[in-house]
Amino acid sequence: MLDMVVLKNGAKEVAVLVSVTMRDLRELRTEDIIAFDGLVMKCRDGNHKLFGNTEEFLKSKAMLERNGQPYNVVKNIVLSAVTGDGLDKKLGSPLAVE
């Protein structure tokens, strides 16, 4: 049986997927802030239009589905872990209880 964790938005996700996705989000935030920001905006608003080739880049990183929307697990983690707006976004723990 897979270990599950509860996120701040109330979603239950597989612990290892949360861990791997958080690693990828930290990497994305340091390596491509435009893609990170675009992913956060897309998770917050499914109608958000991504800049340039960001959609294809995020698909290659397994953050977006083929239809351009975030995978549910990615969306739940982003919505639970990212606070703030603009370039002042902070990436914290997505877990409801530490």
C-alpha atoms as a PDB file:
ATOM      1  CA  MET A   1       0.000   0.000   0.000  1.00  0.00           C
ATOM      2  CA  LEU A   2       1.298   3.457  -0.905  1.00  0.00           C
ATOM      3  CA  ASP A   3       1.775   6.055   1.828  1.00  0.00           C
ATOM      4  CA  MET A   4      -0.621   8.958   1.416  1.00  0.00           C
ATOM      5  CA  VAL A   5      -0.287  12.517   2.698  1.00  0.00           C
ATOM      6  CA  VAL A   6      -2.852  15.282   3.126  1.00  0.00           C
ATOM      7  CA  LEU A   7      -2.094  18.594   1.431  1.00  0.00           C
ATOM      8  CA  LYS A   8      -3.052  22.074   2.603  1.00  0.00           C
ATOM      9  CA  ASN A   9      -5.851  22.191   0.000  1.00  0.00           C
ATOM     10  CA  GLY A  10      -7.341  19.015   1.514  1.00  0.00           C
ATOM     11  CA  ALA A  11      -6.279  16.670  -1.297  1.00  0.00           C
ATOM     12  CA  LYS A  12      -4.778  13.275  -0.486  1.00  0.00           C
ATOM     13  CA  GLU A  13      -1.809  12.346  -2.660  1.00  0.00           C
ATOM     14  CA  VAL A  14       0.825   9.613  -2.779  1.00  0.00           C
ATOM     15  CA  ALA A  15       3.747  10.714  -0.581  1.00  0.00           C
ATOM     16  CA  VAL A  16       6.474   9.786  -3.080  1.00  0.00           C
ATOM     17  CA  LEU A  17       4.730  11.787  -5.846  1.00  0.00           C
ATOM     18  CA  VAL A  18       4.577  14.807  -3.552  1.00  0.00           C
ATOM     19  CA  SER A  19       8.273  14.461  -2.742  1.00  0.00           C
ATOM     20  CA  VAL A  20       9.353  14.111  -6.376  1.00  0.00           C
ATOM     21  CA  THR A  21       7.086  16.926  -7.546  1.00  0.00           C
ATOM     22  CA  MET A  22       8.394  19.255  -4.834  1.00  0.00           C
ATOM     23  CA  ARG A  23      11.971  18.479  -5.916  1.00  0.00           C
ATOM     24  CA  ASP A  24      11.006  19.306  -9.501  1.00  0.00           C
ATOM     25  CA  LEU A  25       9.258  22.533  -8.446  1.00  0.00           C
ATOM     26  CA  ARG A  26      12.332  23.695  -6.470  1.00  0.00           C
ATOM     27  CA  GLU A  27      14.511  22.957  -9.498  1.00  0.00           C
ATOM     28  CA  LEU A  28      12.103  24.718 -11.856  1.00  0.00           C
ATOM     29  CA  ARG A  29      11.957  27.774  -9.591  1.00  0.00           C
ATOM     30  CA  THR A  30      15.737  28.188  -9.646  1.00  0.00           C
ATOM     31  CA  GLU A  31      16.351  27.246 -13.288  1.00  0.00           C
ATOM     32  CA  ASP A  32      13.367  28.818 -15.093  1.00  0.00           C
ATOM     33  CA  ILE A  33      11.382  31.340 -13.059  1.00  0.00           C
ATOM     34  CA  ILE A  34       9.172  32.158 -16.076  1.00  0.00           C
ATOM     35  CA  ALA A  35       8.103  28.516 -16.407  1.00  0.00           C
ATOM     36  CA  PHE A  36       7.613  28.253 -12.633  1.00  0.00           C
ATOM     37  CA  ASP A  37       5.459  31.373 -12.598  1.00  0.00           C
ATOM     38  CA  GLY A  38       3.493  30.176 -15.621  1.00  0.00           C
ATOM     39  CA  LEU A  39       2.824  26.807 -14.000  1.00  0.00           C
ATOM     40  CA  VAL A  40       1.581  28.469 -10.807  1.00  0.00           C
ATOM     41  CA  MET A  41      -0.690  30.780 -12.797  1.00  0.00           C
ATOM     42  CA  LYS A  42      -1.998  27.837 -14.872  1.00  0.00           C
ATOM     43  CA  CYS A  43      -2.761  25.890 -11.684  1.00  0.00           C
ATOM     44  CA  ARG A  44      -4.600  28.876 -10.229  1.00  0.00           C
ATOM     45  CA  ASP A  45      -6.478  29.615 -13.483  1.00  0.00           C
ATOM     46  CA  GLY A  46      -6.848  26.916 -16.129  1.00  0.00           C
ATOM     47  CA  ASN A  47      -7.474  29.591 -18.777  1.00  0.00           C
ATOM     48  CA  HIS A  48      -4.101  31.275 -18.183  1.00  0.00           C
ATOM     49  CA  LYS A  49      -2.061  31.521 -21.399  1.00  0.00           C
ATOM     50  CA  LEU A  50       1.553  30.439 -21.043  1.00  0.00           C
ATOM     51  CA  PHE A  51       4.401  32.492 -22.504  1.00  0.00           C
ATOM     52  CA  GLY A  52       6.352  31.322 -25.557  1.00  0.00           C
ATOM     53  CA  ASN A  53       7.285  27.653 -25.505  1.00  0.00           C
ATOM     54  CA  THR A  54       6.554  27.262 -21.783  1.00  0.00           C
ATOM     55  CA  GLU A  55       3.681  24.840 -22.392  1.00  0.00           C
ATOM     56  CA  GLU A  56       5.866  22.419 -24.353  1.00  0.00           C
ATOM     57  CA  PHE A  57       8.663  22.771 -21.797  1.00  0.00           C
ATOM     58  CA  LEU A  58       6.307  21.971 -18.890  1.00  0.00           C
ATOM     59  CA  LYS A  59       4.887  19.012 -20.811  1.00  0.00           C
ATOM     60  CA  SER A  60       8.436  17.687 -21.252  1.00  0.00           C
ATOM     61  CA  LYS A  61       8.873  17.969 -17.467  1.00  0.00           C
ATOM     62  CA  ALA A  62       5.619  15.990 -16.917  1.00  0.00           C
ATOM     63  CA  MET A  63       3.957  18.969 -15.241  1.00  0.00           C
ATOM     64  CA  LEU A  64       1.232  19.426 -17.872  1.00  0.00           C
ATOM     65  CA  GLU A  65      -0.995  16.931 -19.607  1.00  0.00           C
ATOM     66  CA  ARG A  66      -1.196  16.726 -23.390  1.00  0.00           C
ATOM     67  CA  ASN A  67      -4.195  19.102 -23.297  1.00  0.00           C
ATOM     68  CA  GLY A  68      -2.027  21.767 -21.637  1.00  0.00           C
ATOM     69  CA  GLN A  69      -3.639  21.510 -18.206  1.00  0.00           C
ATOM     70  CA  PRO A  70      -1.661  20.629 -15.080  1.00  0.00           C
ATOM     71  CA  TYR A  71      -1.886  17.055 -13.848  1.00  0.00           C
ATOM     72  CA  ASN A  72      -4.223  16.932 -10.835  1.00  0.00           C
ATOM     73  CA  VAL A  73      -1.412  15.913  -8.478  1.00  0.00           C
ATOM     74  CA  VAL A  74       0.789  18.784  -9.721  1.00  0.00           C
ATOM     75  CA  LYS A  75      -2.087  21.257  -9.376  1.00  0.00           C
ATOM     76  CA  ASN A  76      -2.865  20.111  -5.829  1.00  0.00           C
ATOM     77  CA  ILE A  77       0.786  20.385  -4.805  1.00  0.00           C
ATOM     78  CA  VAL A  78       1.285  23.801  -6.420  1.00  0.00           C
ATOM     79  CA  LEU A  79      -1.910  25.192  -4.886  1.00  0.00           C
ATOM     80  CA  SER A  80      -0.827  23.862  -1.480  1.00  0.00           C
ATOM     81  CA  ALA A  81       2.861  24.846  -1.623  1.00  0.00           C
ATOM     82  CA  VAL A  82       2.984  28.222  -3.403  1.00  0.00           C
ATOM     83  CA  THR A  83       1.933  31.456  -1.742  1.00  0.00           C
ATOM     84  CA  GLY A  84       2.159  35.047  -2.921  1.00  0.00           C
ATOM     85  CA  ASP A  85       1.822  36.743  -6.265  1.00  0.00           C
ATOM     86  CA  GLY A  86       4.049  38.044  -9.016  1.00  0.00           C
ATOM     87  CA  LEU A  87       7.758  37.538  -8.533  1.00  0.00           C
ATOM     88  CA  ASP A  88       7.182  37.387  -4.761  1.00  0.00           C
ATOM     89  CA  LYS A  89       5.904  33.792  -4.892  1.00  0.00           C
ATOM     90  CA  LYS A  90       7.200  31.545  -2.103  1.00  0.00           C
ATOM     91  CA  LEU A  91       7.528  27.769  -2.318  1.00  0.00           C
ATOM     92  CA  GLY A  92       6.877  26.098   1.025  1.00  0.00           C
ATOM     93  CA  SER A  93       5.653  22.765   2.280  1.00  0.00           C
ATOM     94  CA  PRO A  94       2.425  21.526   0.686  1.00  0.00           C
ATOM     95  CA  LEU A  95       1.605  19.303   3.661  1.00  0.00           C
ATOM     96  CA  ALA A  96      -1.356  20.078   5.906  1.00  0.00           C
ATOM     97  CA  VAL A  97       0.493  18.680   8.939  1.00  0.00           C
ATOM     98  CA  GLU A  98       4.255  18.428   9.282  1.00  0.00           C
END
